[in-house]
Amino acid sequence: MRAFLKNYRQSPRKVRLVASAIRGKLVPEALVALSALPKRATAPLKKLLESAIANAKQNGEGKELQSLFVKEIQVNKGVTLKRSMPRAMGRATPINKRSSHVTLILGEKEHNKKTKK
């Protein structure tokens, strides 16, 4: 029940804002949250979440969509494209175009069983 998004061309700092909004939530709640957030990273993360759901169904591990939740989501630093921009008096300043690697792991909530008292 894993899904990966590699070399996504947005800085990890910006993607982590969206990732922290869905961490620990049930899958239906996370899909609603991703639909409502006004950030650029929501569309790729929503697609990644749907991919993880499809992986869970394919492997037969996640029986119900309602019992799945976002167990872990990591946003790590990817490759950085280094560019330069001309500035005054013949100088150049560096521009770093950052990318992200996102790992999403789904877990299954266990139903509370009655315990003996």
N, C-alpha and C. Protein backbone atom coordinates (compact mmCIF):
# COMPACT_ATOMS: atom_id res chain seq x y z
N MET A 1 0.83 -1.18 0.00
CA MET A 1 0.00 0.00 0.00
C MET A 1 0.88 1.25 0.00
N ARG A 2 1.83 1.24 -0.91
CA ARG A 2 2.75 2.36 -1.04
C ARG A 2 2.61 2.97 -2.43
N ALA A 3 2.98 4.22 -2.51
CA ALA A 3 3.05 4.90 -3.80
C ALA A 3 4.15 5.95 -3.72
N PHE A 4 4.83 6.15 -4.84
CA PHE A 4 5.96 7.08 -4.89
C PHE A 4 5.75 8.11 -5.98
N LEU A 5 6.19 9.31 -5.70
CA LEU A 5 6.23 10.38 -6.69
C LEU A 5 7.64 10.93 -6.67
N LYS A 6 8.36 10.72 -7.77
CA LYS A 6 9.76 11.12 -7.80
C LYS A 6 9.96 12.27 -8.78
N ASN A 7 10.91 13.12 -8.43
CA ASN A 7 11.30 14.26 -9.26
C ASN A 7 10.14 15.19 -9.58
N TYR A 8 9.31 15.46 -8.59
CA TYR A 8 8.24 16.44 -8.75
C TYR A 8 8.85 17.83 -8.64
N ARG A 9 8.68 18.67 -9.66
CA ARG A 9 9.38 19.95 -9.77
C ARG A 9 8.71 21.05 -8.96
N GLN A 10 8.72 20.88 -7.66
CA GLN A 10 8.32 21.92 -6.73
C GLN A 10 9.14 21.71 -5.46
N SER A 11 9.45 22.79 -4.78
CA SER A 11 10.34 22.67 -3.64
C SER A 11 9.67 21.85 -2.52
N PRO A 12 10.47 21.05 -1.79
CA PRO A 12 9.91 20.21 -0.73
C PRO A 12 9.22 21.02 0.35
N ARG A 13 9.69 22.22 0.61
CA ARG A 13 9.10 23.06 1.64
C ARG A 13 7.63 23.36 1.33
N LYS A 14 7.34 23.62 0.06
CA LYS A 14 5.96 23.93 -0.32
C LYS A 14 5.09 22.67 -0.35
N VAL A 15 5.68 21.54 -0.74
CA VAL A 15 4.91 20.30 -0.81
C VAL A 15 4.60 19.80 0.60
N ARG A 16 5.50 20.04 1.55
CA ARG A 16 5.28 19.59 2.93
C ARG A 16 4.07 20.26 3.57
N LEU A 17 3.75 21.48 3.14
CA LEU A 17 2.56 22.15 3.67
C LEU A 17 1.30 21.36 3.35
N VAL A 18 1.22 20.84 2.14
CA VAL A 18 0.06 20.06 1.72
C VAL A 18 0.10 18.67 2.35
N ALA A 19 1.30 18.09 2.42
CA ALA A 19 1.43 16.74 2.99
C ALA A 19 1.02 16.71 4.45
N SER A 20 1.37 17.73 5.20
CA SER A 20 1.01 17.75 6.61
C SER A 20 -0.50 17.92 6.82
N ALA A 21 -1.19 18.44 5.82
CA ALA A 21 -2.64 18.60 5.93
C ALA A 21 -3.38 17.27 5.84
N ILE A 22 -2.78 16.26 5.20
CA ILE A 22 -3.48 14.97 5.04
C ILE A 22 -2.88 13.86 5.90
N ARG A 23 -1.78 14.12 6.57
CA ARG A 23 -1.11 13.09 7.38
C ARG A 23 -2.02 12.61 8.49
N GLY A 24 -2.22 11.28 8.58
CA GLY A 24 -3.01 10.68 9.64
C GLY A 24 -4.51 10.67 9.39
N LYS A 25 -4.97 11.22 8.29
CA LYS A 25 -6.41 11.28 8.03
C LYS A 25 -6.89 10.02 7.32
N LEU A 26 -8.18 9.75 7.46
CA LEU A 26 -8.79 8.68 6.68
C LEU A 26 -8.78 9.08 5.20
N VAL A 27 -8.78 8.10 4.32
CA VAL A 27 -8.65 8.36 2.89
C VAL A 27 -9.76 9.26 2.35
N PRO A 28 -11.04 9.03 2.68
CA PRO A 28 -12.08 9.94 2.17
C PRO A 28 -11.89 11.39 2.64
N GLU A 29 -11.48 11.55 3.91
CA GLU A 29 -11.23 12.90 4.44
C GLU A 29 -10.04 13.55 3.74
N ALA A 30 -9.01 12.77 3.45
CA ALA A 30 -7.83 13.29 2.78
C ALA A 30 -8.15 13.73 1.36
N LEU A 31 -8.99 12.97 0.67
CA LEU A 31 -9.39 13.35 -0.70
C LEU A 31 -10.18 14.66 -0.70
N VAL A 32 -11.05 14.83 0.30
CA VAL A 32 -11.81 16.07 0.41
C VAL A 32 -10.89 17.24 0.73
N ALA A 33 -9.92 17.01 1.63
CA ALA A 33 -8.99 18.07 2.00
C ALA A 33 -8.14 18.48 0.80
N LEU A 34 -7.72 17.52 -0.01
CA LEU A 34 -6.91 17.84 -1.19
C LEU A 34 -7.73 18.57 -2.25
N SER A 35 -9.02 18.32 -2.28
CA SER A 35 -9.88 19.03 -3.24
C SER A 35 -10.08 20.48 -2.83
N ALA A 36 -10.01 20.75 -1.52
CA ALA A 36 -10.34 22.08 -1.03
C ALA A 36 -9.13 23.01 -0.90
N LEU A 37 -7.92 22.47 -0.78
CA LEU A 37 -6.74 23.31 -0.56
C LEU A 37 -6.35 24.08 -1.82
N PRO A 38 -6.02 25.36 -1.69
CA PRO A 38 -5.65 26.17 -2.87
C PRO A 38 -4.14 26.18 -3.12
N LYS A 39 -3.52 25.01 -3.21
CA LYS A 39 -2.09 24.90 -3.44
C LYS A 39 -1.83 24.12 -4.73
N ARG A 40 -0.68 24.39 -5.36
CA ARG A 40 -0.34 23.72 -6.61
C ARG A 40 -0.04 22.23 -6.40
N ALA A 41 0.46 21.88 -5.24
CA ALA A 41 0.86 20.50 -4.97
C ALA A 41 -0.32 19.57 -4.70
N THR A 42 -1.54 20.10 -4.59
CA THR A 42 -2.68 19.25 -4.27
C THR A 42 -3.02 18.27 -5.39
N ALA A 43 -2.92 18.69 -6.64
CA ALA A 43 -3.28 17.80 -7.76
C ALA A 43 -2.34 16.59 -7.84
N PRO A 44 -1.01 16.77 -7.82
CA PRO A 44 -0.15 15.59 -7.86
C PRO A 44 -0.28 14.70 -6.62
N LEU A 45 -0.49 15.29 -5.44
CA LEU A 45 -0.64 14.48 -4.24
C LEU A 45 -1.97 13.72 -4.24
N LYS A 46 -3.00 14.32 -4.81
CA LYS A 46 -4.28 13.62 -4.93
C LYS A 46 -4.14 12.43 -5.88
N LYS A 47 -3.42 12.63 -6.97
CA LYS A 47 -3.17 11.54 -7.91
C LYS A 47 -2.34 10.43 -7.26
N LEU A 48 -1.38 10.83 -6.43
CA LEU A 48 -0.54 9.87 -5.71
C LEU A 48 -1.38 9.07 -4.72
N LEU A 49 -2.29 9.73 -4.01
CA LEU A 49 -3.17 9.06 -3.06
C LEU A 49 -4.08 8.06 -3.78
N GLU A 50 -4.61 8.45 -4.92
CA GLU A 50 -5.45 7.54 -5.70
C GLU A 50 -4.64 6.35 -6.21
N SER A 51 -3.37 6.57 -6.52
CA SER A 51 -2.50 5.47 -6.93
C SER A 51 -2.27 4.50 -5.78
N ALA A 52 -2.07 5.02 -4.58
CA ALA A 52 -1.88 4.16 -3.41
C ALA A 52 -3.15 3.36 -3.11
N ILE A 53 -4.32 3.97 -3.31
CA ILE A 53 -5.60 3.27 -3.12
C ILE A 53 -5.72 2.13 -4.13
N ALA A 54 -5.36 2.41 -5.38
CA ALA A 54 -5.41 1.37 -6.42
C ALA A 54 -4.43 0.25 -6.12
N ASN A 55 -3.25 0.58 -5.59
CA ASN A 55 -2.28 -0.45 -5.20
C ASN A 55 -2.83 -1.33 -4.09
N ALA A 56 -3.53 -0.72 -3.14
CA ALA A 56 -4.11 -1.48 -2.04
C ALA A 56 -5.20 -2.42 -2.54
N LYS A 57 -6.01 -1.96 -3.47
CA LYS A 57 -7.07 -2.81 -4.03
C LYS A 57 -6.48 -3.94 -4.86
N GLN A 58 -5.44 -3.64 -5.62
CA GLN A 58 -4.81 -4.63 -6.49
C GLN A 58 -4.16 -5.75 -5.67
N ASN A 59 -3.52 -5.37 -4.57
CA ASN A 59 -2.85 -6.36 -3.73
C ASN A 59 -3.81 -7.07 -2.79
N GLY A 60 -5.03 -6.57 -2.67
CA GLY A 60 -6.01 -7.19 -1.80
C GLY A 60 -5.79 -6.90 -0.33
N GLU A 61 -4.91 -5.95 -0.03
CA GLU A 61 -4.62 -5.65 1.38
C GLU A 61 -5.68 -4.75 1.99
N GLY A 62 -6.13 -3.76 1.25
CA GLY A 62 -7.14 -2.84 1.77
C GLY A 62 -8.52 -3.28 1.31
N LYS A 63 -9.28 -3.84 2.21
CA LYS A 63 -10.57 -4.37 1.81
C LYS A 63 -11.60 -3.27 1.60
N GLU A 64 -11.58 -2.29 2.48
CA GLU A 64 -12.55 -1.20 2.38
C GLU A 64 -11.84 0.13 2.31
N LEU A 65 -12.37 1.01 1.49
CA LEU A 65 -11.80 2.35 1.37
C LEU A 65 -11.98 3.12 2.67
N GLN A 66 -13.05 2.84 3.39
CA GLN A 66 -13.36 3.57 4.62
C GLN A 66 -12.37 3.26 5.75
N SER A 67 -11.72 2.08 5.68
CA SER A 67 -10.82 1.70 6.77
C SER A 67 -9.38 2.11 6.51
N LEU A 68 -9.07 2.62 5.32
CA LEU A 68 -7.70 3.04 5.00
C LEU A 68 -7.43 4.45 5.50
N PHE A 69 -6.20 4.69 5.94
CA PHE A 69 -5.80 6.03 6.35
C PHE A 69 -4.37 6.29 5.90
N VAL A 70 -3.98 7.55 5.88
CA VAL A 70 -2.63 7.94 5.48
C VAL A 70 -1.72 7.70 6.68
N LYS A 71 -1.03 6.58 6.64
CA LYS A 71 -0.17 6.18 7.76
C LYS A 71 1.09 7.02 7.80
N GLU A 72 1.69 7.23 6.63
CA GLU A 72 2.94 7.98 6.58
C GLU A 72 3.04 8.68 5.24
N ILE A 73 3.49 9.92 5.25
CA ILE A 73 3.78 10.64 4.03
C ILE A 73 5.06 11.42 4.26
N GLN A 74 6.03 11.16 3.39
CA GLN A 74 7.33 11.80 3.51
C GLN A 74 7.59 12.62 2.26
N VAL A 75 8.13 13.81 2.45
CA VAL A 75 8.55 14.66 1.33
C VAL A 75 10.04 14.91 1.51
N ASN A 76 10.83 14.34 0.61
CA ASN A 76 12.27 14.47 0.68
C ASN A 76 12.79 15.31 -0.47
N LYS A 77 14.02 15.77 -0.32
CA LYS A 77 14.64 16.60 -1.32
C LYS A 77 15.07 15.76 -2.51
N GLY A 78 14.77 16.25 -3.72
CA GLY A 78 15.21 15.59 -4.93
C GLY A 78 16.41 16.31 -5.52
N VAL A 79 16.63 16.14 -6.81
CA VAL A 79 17.75 16.81 -7.45
C VAL A 79 17.47 18.31 -7.58
N THR A 80 18.52 19.10 -7.57
CA THR A 80 18.40 20.54 -7.71
C THR A 80 19.05 20.96 -9.02
N LEU A 81 18.27 21.61 -9.87
CA LEU A 81 18.82 22.14 -11.12
C LEU A 81 19.44 23.50 -10.80
N LYS A 82 20.69 23.68 -11.17
CA LYS A 82 21.38 24.93 -10.86
C LYS A 82 21.44 25.80 -12.10
N ARG A 83 20.87 26.97 -11.99
CA ARG A 83 20.86 27.94 -13.08
C ARG A 83 21.42 29.25 -12.57
N SER A 84 21.67 30.18 -13.47
CA SER A 84 22.14 31.49 -13.03
C SER A 84 21.36 32.57 -13.77
N MET A 85 21.31 33.74 -13.15
CA MET A 85 20.56 34.86 -13.71
C MET A 85 21.50 36.07 -13.79
N PRO A 86 21.57 36.72 -14.95
CA PRO A 86 22.45 37.89 -15.06
C PRO A 86 21.92 39.04 -14.20
N ARG A 87 22.87 39.73 -13.54
CA ARG A 87 22.53 40.85 -12.69
C ARG A 87 23.39 42.06 -13.07
N ALA A 88 23.37 43.06 -12.28
CA ALA A 88 24.05 44.31 -12.60
C ALA A 88 25.57 44.14 -12.63
N MET A 89 26.22 44.95 -13.44
CA MET A 89 27.68 45.03 -13.57
C MET A 89 28.33 43.70 -13.96
N GLY A 90 27.64 42.93 -14.79
CA GLY A 90 28.22 41.70 -15.32
C GLY A 90 28.26 40.53 -14.37
N ARG A 91 27.58 40.63 -13.24
CA ARG A 91 27.58 39.54 -12.28
C ARG A 91 26.43 38.57 -12.57
N ALA A 92 26.52 37.42 -11.96
CA ALA A 92 25.45 36.42 -12.09
C ALA A 92 25.10 35.92 -10.69
N THR A 93 23.83 35.70 -10.46
CA THR A 93 23.39 35.15 -9.17
C THR A 93 22.81 33.76 -9.42
N PRO A 94 23.01 32.85 -8.47
CA PRO A 94 22.51 31.49 -8.67
C PRO A 94 21.00 31.39 -8.45
N ILE A 95 20.38 30.49 -9.20
CA ILE A 95 18.98 30.15 -9.02
C ILE A 95 18.92 28.63 -8.87
N ASN A 96 18.35 28.17 -7.79
CA ASN A 96 18.21 26.73 -7.55
C ASN A 96 16.78 26.31 -7.82
N LYS A 97 16.61 25.42 -8.78
CA LYS A 97 15.28 24.89 -9.09
C LYS A 97 15.17 23.53 -8.43
N ARG A 98 14.43 23.50 -7.32
CA ARG A 98 14.39 22.31 -6.49
C ARG A 98 13.29 21.33 -6.92
N SER A 99 13.48 20.08 -6.54
CA SER A 99 12.47 19.06 -6.81
C SER A 99 12.26 18.22 -5.55
N SER A 100 11.21 17.42 -5.57
CA SER A 100 10.82 16.66 -4.39
C SER A 100 10.60 15.19 -4.73
N HIS A 101 10.83 14.34 -3.75
CA HIS A 101 10.45 12.94 -3.80
C HIS A 101 9.41 12.73 -2.70
N VAL A 102 8.24 12.20 -3.07
CA VAL A 102 7.17 11.99 -2.10
C VAL A 102 6.89 10.50 -1.97
N THR A 103 6.82 10.02 -0.73
CA THR A 103 6.48 8.63 -0.44
C THR A 103 5.21 8.61 0.41
N LEU A 104 4.22 7.85 -0.04
CA LEU A 104 2.94 7.77 0.66
C LEU A 104 2.68 6.32 1.04
N ILE A 105 2.38 6.09 2.31
CA ILE A 105 2.09 4.75 2.81
C ILE A 105 0.72 4.77 3.46
N LEU A 106 -0.15 3.85 3.04
CA LEU A 106 -1.48 3.74 3.63
C LEU A 106 -1.49 2.61 4.65
N GLY A 107 -2.28 2.79 5.68
CA GLY A 107 -2.47 1.75 6.68
C GLY A 107 -3.96 1.45 6.81
N GLU A 108 -4.25 0.37 7.51
CA GLU A 108 -5.65 0.00 7.69
C GLU A 108 -6.01 0.12 9.17
N LYS A 109 -7.06 0.87 9.45
CA LYS A 109 -7.52 1.04 10.83
C LYS A 109 -8.18 -0.25 11.27
N GLU A 110 -7.79 -0.68 12.45
CA GLU A 110 -8.41 -1.88 13.00
C GLU A 110 -9.64 -1.47 13.82
N HIS A 111 -10.69 -2.23 13.67
CA HIS A 111 -11.91 -1.94 14.41
C HIS A 111 -11.69 -2.33 15.88
N ASN A 112 -12.25 -1.52 16.76
CA ASN A 112 -12.10 -1.79 18.20
C ASN A 112 -12.86 -3.05 18.55
N LYS A 113 -12.14 -3.97 19.16
CA LYS A 113 -12.77 -5.21 19.60
C LYS A 113 -13.14 -5.06 21.07
N LYS A 114 -14.22 -5.72 21.45
CA LYS A 114 -14.64 -5.66 22.84
C LYS A 114 -13.64 -6.41 23.70
N THR A 115 -13.21 -5.77 24.75
CA THR A 115 -12.26 -6.40 25.65
C THR A 115 -12.96 -6.88 26.91
N LYS A 116 -12.37 -7.90 27.52
CA LYS A 116 -12.96 -8.43 28.75
C LYS A 116 -12.61 -7.52 29.92
N LYS A 117 -13.58 -7.34 30.80
CA LYS A 117 -13.36 -6.49 31.98
C LYS A 117 -13.15 -7.33 33.20
